C-alpha cells in the first residue's frame, strides 16, 4: 500500500511540473493596430484583443504536448490568419515570441529556456 502511495505522489509531482505555463510575447511592428488577435495551438486558444503599433503583449499558454502557434488578427480591412508555426512543448521549458512585421507577415519562434 505504501508503494502505491509513493507511486501516486511521484506521478502527481511529475504531472504538476508539466503543468507550468509557457510564456508568449506578441509584438506588433506594423503601422496599424492589430485587432481581434487570437493565438491557438495544441489544446488552447486565447484572445489577446488589440495590439497597438510598436506594442508587445505578454501572456501565458498551456499547450498539450508538442505544438506550433497559429495567429490571426484584423489590420484595417485586412484579415490575416497564419497556420501553426514554430515549435514548443508543454511544461514551461519554452518561451514563444511572435513578431508581426510592417507588411503583416508573422514570425513565430519557440526558444528552449532550460538547457
N, C-alpha and C. Protein backbone atom coordinates (compact mmCIF):
# COMPACT_ATOMS: atom_id res chain seq x y z
N UNK A 1 0.82 -1.19 0.00
CA UNK A 1 0.00 0.00 0.00
C UNK A 1 0.87 1.26 0.00
N UNK A 2 1.92 1.22 0.81
CA UNK A 2 2.81 2.38 0.88
C UNK A 2 3.46 2.66 -0.48
N UNK A 3 3.80 1.58 -1.22
CA UNK A 3 4.42 1.74 -2.54
C UNK A 3 3.45 2.43 -3.50
N UNK A 4 2.18 2.08 -3.40
CA UNK A 4 1.19 2.73 -4.25
C UNK A 4 1.06 4.21 -3.94
N UNK A 5 1.11 4.57 -2.66
CA UNK A 5 1.05 5.98 -2.28
C UNK A 5 2.26 6.74 -2.80
N UNK A 6 3.44 6.15 -2.69
CA UNK A 6 4.65 6.79 -3.20
C UNK A 6 4.60 6.95 -4.71
N UNK A 7 4.12 5.92 -5.39
CA UNK A 7 4.00 5.98 -6.84
C UNK A 7 3.01 7.07 -7.24
N UNK A 8 1.88 7.14 -6.55
CA UNK A 8 0.89 8.18 -6.83
C UNK A 8 1.45 9.56 -6.61
N UNK A 9 2.19 9.75 -5.52
CA UNK A 9 2.79 11.05 -5.23
C UNK A 9 3.81 11.43 -6.30
N UNK A 10 4.59 10.46 -6.75
CA UNK A 10 5.59 10.73 -7.79
C UNK A 10 4.92 11.12 -9.10
N UNK A 11 3.87 10.41 -9.47
CA UNK A 11 3.15 10.74 -10.70
C UNK A 11 2.50 12.10 -10.60
N UNK A 12 1.90 12.43 -9.46
CA UNK A 12 1.28 13.74 -9.28
C UNK A 12 2.32 14.84 -9.36
N UNK A 13 3.47 14.65 -8.75
CA UNK A 13 4.55 15.63 -8.81
C UNK A 13 5.05 15.84 -10.22
N UNK A 14 5.17 14.76 -10.97
CA UNK A 14 5.61 14.84 -12.35
C UNK A 14 4.58 15.57 -13.20
N UNK A 15 3.31 15.29 -12.99
CA UNK A 15 2.25 15.95 -13.76
C UNK A 15 2.20 17.44 -13.44
N UNK A 16 2.41 17.80 -12.19
CA UNK A 16 2.33 19.21 -11.85
C UNK A 16 3.51 19.98 -12.42
N UNK A 17 4.67 19.36 -12.58
CA UNK A 17 5.81 20.03 -13.21
C UNK A 17 5.49 20.34 -14.67
N UNK A 18 4.80 19.43 -15.34
CA UNK A 18 4.45 19.64 -16.73
C UNK A 18 3.31 20.63 -16.89
N UNK A 19 2.69 21.06 -15.82
CA UNK A 19 1.59 22.00 -15.89
C UNK A 19 2.02 23.45 -15.88
N UNK A 20 3.35 23.70 -15.88
CA UNK A 20 3.82 25.08 -15.89
C UNK A 20 3.44 25.76 -17.19
N UNK A 21 3.17 27.03 -17.11
CA UNK A 21 2.75 27.80 -18.27
C UNK A 21 3.93 28.13 -19.17
N UNK A 22 3.64 28.30 -20.44
CA UNK A 22 4.62 28.72 -21.44
C UNK A 22 4.40 30.20 -21.73
N UNK A 23 5.40 31.05 -21.53
CA UNK A 23 5.22 32.47 -21.81
C UNK A 23 5.22 32.75 -23.31
N UNK A 24 4.37 33.71 -23.71
CA UNK A 24 4.27 34.13 -25.10
C UNK A 24 4.31 35.66 -25.14
N UNK A 25 5.12 36.20 -26.05
CA UNK A 25 5.18 37.65 -26.28
C UNK A 25 4.83 37.91 -27.74
N UNK A 26 3.83 38.76 -27.99
CA UNK A 26 3.41 39.11 -29.34
C UNK A 26 3.71 40.59 -29.55
N UNK A 27 4.56 40.90 -30.56
CA UNK A 27 4.98 42.26 -30.83
C UNK A 27 4.48 42.71 -32.20
N UNK A 28 3.94 43.90 -32.25
CA UNK A 28 3.39 44.48 -33.48
C UNK A 28 4.36 45.53 -34.02
N UNK A 29 5.07 45.19 -35.11
CA UNK A 29 5.97 46.13 -35.76
C UNK A 29 5.32 46.81 -36.96
N UNK A 30 4.02 46.62 -37.13
CA UNK A 30 3.33 47.26 -38.25
C UNK A 30 2.89 48.68 -37.86
N UNK A 31 2.40 49.42 -38.83
CA UNK A 31 1.98 50.81 -38.60
C UNK A 31 0.53 50.91 -38.13
N UNK A 32 -0.20 49.80 -38.14
CA UNK A 32 -1.61 49.80 -37.74
C UNK A 32 -1.82 48.89 -36.53
N UNK A 33 -2.89 49.16 -35.80
CA UNK A 33 -3.26 48.29 -34.68
C UNK A 33 -3.69 46.93 -35.21
N UNK A 34 -3.36 45.89 -34.46
CA UNK A 34 -3.84 44.55 -34.75
C UNK A 34 -5.04 44.32 -33.86
N UNK A 35 -6.19 44.05 -34.46
CA UNK A 35 -7.43 43.90 -33.70
C UNK A 35 -7.89 42.45 -33.72
N UNK A 36 -8.60 42.07 -32.67
CA UNK A 36 -9.12 40.71 -32.53
C UNK A 36 -8.02 39.66 -32.71
N UNK A 37 -6.91 39.88 -32.02
CA UNK A 37 -5.76 38.96 -32.11
C UNK A 37 -6.10 37.68 -31.33
N UNK A 38 -5.89 36.55 -31.98
CA UNK A 38 -6.12 35.24 -31.36
C UNK A 38 -4.90 34.37 -31.64
N UNK A 39 -4.41 33.70 -30.59
CA UNK A 39 -3.36 32.70 -30.75
C UNK A 39 -3.94 31.34 -30.38
N UNK A 40 -3.50 30.30 -31.07
CA UNK A 40 -4.04 28.96 -30.81
C UNK A 40 -2.99 27.91 -31.11
N UNK A 41 -3.14 26.78 -30.45
CA UNK A 41 -2.24 25.65 -30.68
C UNK A 41 -2.85 24.40 -30.10
N UNK A 42 -2.04 23.43 -29.80
CA UNK A 42 -2.49 22.15 -29.31
C UNK A 42 -3.15 22.29 -27.93
N UNK A 43 -4.46 22.23 -27.89
CA UNK A 43 -5.21 22.25 -26.63
C UNK A 43 -5.49 23.63 -26.06
N UNK A 44 -5.25 24.70 -26.81
CA UNK A 44 -5.55 26.03 -26.28
C UNK A 44 -5.91 27.01 -27.40
N UNK A 45 -6.65 28.01 -27.03
CA UNK A 45 -6.95 29.15 -27.89
C UNK A 45 -7.14 30.34 -26.96
N UNK A 46 -6.51 31.46 -27.29
CA UNK A 46 -6.56 32.61 -26.40
C UNK A 46 -6.71 33.89 -27.20
N UNK A 47 -7.67 34.72 -26.79
CA UNK A 47 -7.88 36.03 -27.41
C UNK A 47 -7.01 37.05 -26.70
N UNK A 48 -6.30 37.88 -27.48
CA UNK A 48 -5.43 38.90 -26.91
C UNK A 48 -5.96 40.32 -27.12
N UNK A 49 -7.09 40.45 -27.82
CA UNK A 49 -7.67 41.78 -28.03
C UNK A 49 -6.91 42.56 -29.09
N UNK A 50 -6.58 43.83 -28.78
CA UNK A 50 -5.92 44.73 -29.72
C UNK A 50 -4.48 44.98 -29.28
N UNK A 51 -3.58 44.98 -30.26
CA UNK A 51 -2.17 45.30 -30.01
C UNK A 51 -1.83 46.52 -30.85
N UNK A 52 -1.51 47.63 -30.19
CA UNK A 52 -1.18 48.87 -30.87
C UNK A 52 0.16 48.77 -31.60
N UNK A 53 0.39 49.65 -32.59
CA UNK A 53 1.68 49.66 -33.29
C UNK A 53 2.84 49.85 -32.29
N UNK A 54 3.87 49.05 -32.44
CA UNK A 54 5.03 49.14 -31.57
C UNK A 54 4.88 48.48 -30.21
N UNK A 55 3.71 47.99 -29.90
CA UNK A 55 3.44 47.41 -28.57
C UNK A 55 3.71 45.91 -28.55
N UNK A 56 3.93 45.40 -27.34
CA UNK A 56 4.08 43.97 -27.10
C UNK A 56 3.10 43.56 -26.02
N UNK A 57 2.41 42.47 -26.26
CA UNK A 57 1.52 41.88 -25.25
C UNK A 57 2.14 40.57 -24.81
N UNK A 58 2.17 40.36 -23.51
CA UNK A 58 2.70 39.12 -22.93
C UNK A 58 1.56 38.35 -22.27
N UNK A 59 1.62 37.04 -22.45
CA UNK A 59 0.61 36.17 -21.86
C UNK A 59 1.26 34.82 -21.58
N UNK A 60 0.48 33.90 -21.08
CA UNK A 60 0.94 32.53 -20.84
C UNK A 60 -0.08 31.57 -21.43
N UNK A 61 0.43 30.46 -21.95
CA UNK A 61 -0.42 29.42 -22.52
C UNK A 61 -0.07 28.09 -21.87
N UNK A 62 -0.95 27.13 -22.03
CA UNK A 62 -0.73 25.77 -21.51
C UNK A 62 -1.04 24.77 -22.63
N UNK A 63 -0.07 24.58 -23.52
CA UNK A 63 -0.31 23.63 -24.61
C UNK A 63 -0.33 22.19 -24.10
N UNK A 64 -0.93 21.34 -24.88
CA UNK A 64 -0.92 19.90 -24.59
C UNK A 64 0.09 19.26 -25.51
N UNK A 65 1.22 18.88 -24.96
CA UNK A 65 2.25 18.21 -25.74
C UNK A 65 2.96 19.16 -26.70
N UNK A 66 3.38 18.62 -27.84
CA UNK A 66 4.08 19.40 -28.85
C UNK A 66 3.09 20.30 -29.58
N UNK A 67 3.54 21.50 -29.94
CA UNK A 67 2.62 22.43 -30.59
C UNK A 67 3.38 23.43 -31.46
N UNK A 68 2.64 24.06 -32.32
CA UNK A 68 3.04 25.26 -33.04
C UNK A 68 2.04 26.32 -32.64
N UNK A 69 2.20 27.54 -33.13
CA UNK A 69 1.30 28.62 -32.76
C UNK A 69 0.65 29.21 -34.00
N UNK A 70 -0.68 29.13 -34.08
CA UNK A 70 -1.44 29.79 -35.14
C UNK A 70 -1.80 31.19 -34.65
N UNK A 71 -1.78 32.16 -35.55
CA UNK A 71 -2.06 33.54 -35.19
C UNK A 71 -3.05 34.11 -36.20
N UNK A 72 -4.06 34.83 -35.68
CA UNK A 72 -4.99 35.52 -36.58
C UNK A 72 -5.32 36.89 -35.99
N UNK A 73 -5.59 37.86 -36.89
CA UNK A 73 -5.92 39.21 -36.47
C UNK A 73 -6.48 40.00 -37.65
N UNK A 74 -7.08 41.13 -37.34
CA UNK A 74 -7.52 42.10 -38.34
C UNK A 74 -6.58 43.30 -38.27
N UNK A 75 -6.25 43.85 -39.45
CA UNK A 75 -5.48 45.08 -39.53
C UNK A 75 -6.14 45.95 -40.59
N UNK A 76 -6.86 46.96 -40.13
CA UNK A 76 -7.67 47.73 -41.07
C UNK A 76 -8.73 46.82 -41.65
N UNK A 77 -8.85 46.81 -42.99
CA UNK A 77 -9.84 45.97 -43.66
C UNK A 77 -9.29 44.57 -43.96
N UNK A 78 -8.05 44.33 -43.64
CA UNK A 78 -7.40 43.05 -43.96
C UNK A 78 -7.48 42.05 -42.81
N UNK A 79 -7.82 40.81 -43.13
CA UNK A 79 -7.82 39.71 -42.17
C UNK A 79 -6.60 38.85 -42.44
N UNK A 80 -5.79 38.61 -41.39
CA UNK A 80 -4.59 37.79 -41.52
C UNK A 80 -4.78 36.56 -40.63
N UNK A 81 -4.52 35.40 -41.20
CA UNK A 81 -4.62 34.15 -40.45
C UNK A 81 -3.51 33.23 -40.93
N UNK A 82 -2.61 32.88 -40.01
CA UNK A 82 -1.49 32.00 -40.39
C UNK A 82 -1.62 30.68 -39.64
N UNK A 83 -1.29 29.59 -40.31
CA UNK A 83 -1.36 28.28 -39.66
C UNK A 83 -0.27 28.15 -38.60
N UNK A 84 -0.32 27.09 -37.80
CA UNK A 84 0.69 26.91 -36.75
C UNK A 84 2.11 26.98 -37.29
N UNK A 85 2.93 27.75 -36.58
CA UNK A 85 4.35 27.92 -36.90
C UNK A 85 5.16 27.69 -35.63
N UNK A 86 6.46 27.53 -35.79
CA UNK A 86 7.34 27.37 -34.65
C UNK A 86 7.16 26.00 -34.02
N UNK A 87 7.88 25.78 -32.95
CA UNK A 87 7.79 24.52 -32.22
C UNK A 87 8.05 24.79 -30.75
N UNK A 88 7.20 24.22 -29.91
CA UNK A 88 7.41 24.27 -28.47
C UNK A 88 6.63 23.12 -27.85
N UNK A 89 6.92 22.85 -26.59
CA UNK A 89 6.28 21.74 -25.89
C UNK A 89 5.66 22.24 -24.59
N UNK A 90 4.76 21.45 -24.06
CA UNK A 90 4.15 21.75 -22.77
C UNK A 90 5.20 21.67 -21.67
N UNK A 91 4.93 22.28 -20.54
CA UNK A 91 5.81 22.17 -19.39
C UNK A 91 6.55 23.43 -19.03
N UNK A 92 6.41 24.49 -19.82
CA UNK A 92 7.03 25.76 -19.47
C UNK A 92 8.51 25.86 -19.75
N UNK A 93 9.08 24.91 -20.48
CA UNK A 93 10.51 24.96 -20.76
C UNK A 93 10.83 25.82 -21.98
N UNK A 94 9.81 26.26 -22.70
CA UNK A 94 9.99 27.08 -23.88
C UNK A 94 9.43 28.48 -23.62
N UNK A 95 9.96 29.46 -24.35
CA UNK A 95 9.39 30.80 -24.41
C UNK A 95 9.09 31.07 -25.88
N UNK A 96 7.89 31.56 -26.16
CA UNK A 96 7.46 31.75 -27.54
C UNK A 96 7.39 33.25 -27.84
N UNK A 97 7.99 33.65 -28.96
CA UNK A 97 7.88 35.04 -29.41
C UNK A 97 7.20 35.07 -30.77
N UNK A 98 6.34 36.06 -30.93
CA UNK A 98 5.63 36.29 -32.18
C UNK A 98 5.92 37.72 -32.60
N UNK A 99 6.34 37.89 -33.85
CA UNK A 99 6.59 39.23 -34.38
C UNK A 99 5.76 39.41 -35.63
N UNK A 100 4.98 40.49 -35.64
CA UNK A 100 4.23 40.87 -36.84
C UNK A 100 5.02 42.00 -37.49
N UNK A 101 5.46 41.77 -38.73
CA UNK A 101 6.32 42.72 -39.44
C UNK A 101 5.50 43.87 -40.02
N UNK A 102 6.18 44.92 -40.52
CA UNK A 102 5.46 46.05 -41.12
C UNK A 102 4.53 45.66 -42.27
N UNK A 103 4.86 44.58 -43.00
CA UNK A 103 3.99 44.15 -44.09
C UNK A 103 3.04 43.03 -43.67
N UNK A 104 2.84 42.89 -42.35
CA UNK A 104 1.87 41.96 -41.74
C UNK A 104 2.23 40.49 -41.90
N UNK A 105 3.50 40.20 -42.12
CA UNK A 105 3.95 38.81 -42.05
C UNK A 105 4.15 38.45 -40.59
N UNK A 106 3.97 37.16 -40.27
CA UNK A 106 4.05 36.70 -38.89
C UNK A 106 5.19 35.69 -38.75
N UNK A 107 6.06 35.94 -37.76
CA UNK A 107 7.15 35.01 -37.48
C UNK A 107 6.98 34.51 -36.04
N UNK A 108 7.00 33.20 -35.86
CA UNK A 108 6.86 32.58 -34.54
C UNK A 108 8.15 31.82 -34.23
N UNK A 109 8.66 32.00 -33.02
CA UNK A 109 9.87 31.32 -32.60
C UNK A 109 9.68 30.76 -31.19
N UNK A 110 9.94 29.48 -31.03
CA UNK A 110 9.89 28.84 -29.71
C UNK A 110 11.31 28.55 -29.25
N UNK A 111 11.76 29.24 -28.20
CA UNK A 111 13.11 29.06 -27.69
C UNK A 111 13.09 28.22 -26.43
N UNK A 112 13.97 27.24 -26.37
CA UNK A 112 14.12 26.42 -25.18
C UNK A 112 14.80 27.26 -24.12
N UNK A 113 14.14 27.41 -22.94
CA UNK A 113 14.66 28.27 -21.88
C UNK A 113 15.54 27.51 -20.91
N UNK A 114 15.35 26.21 -20.78
CA UNK A 114 16.08 25.41 -19.80
C UNK A 114 16.98 24.45 -20.57
N UNK A 115 18.26 24.47 -20.28
CA UNK A 115 19.21 23.62 -21.00
C UNK A 115 19.67 22.51 -20.13
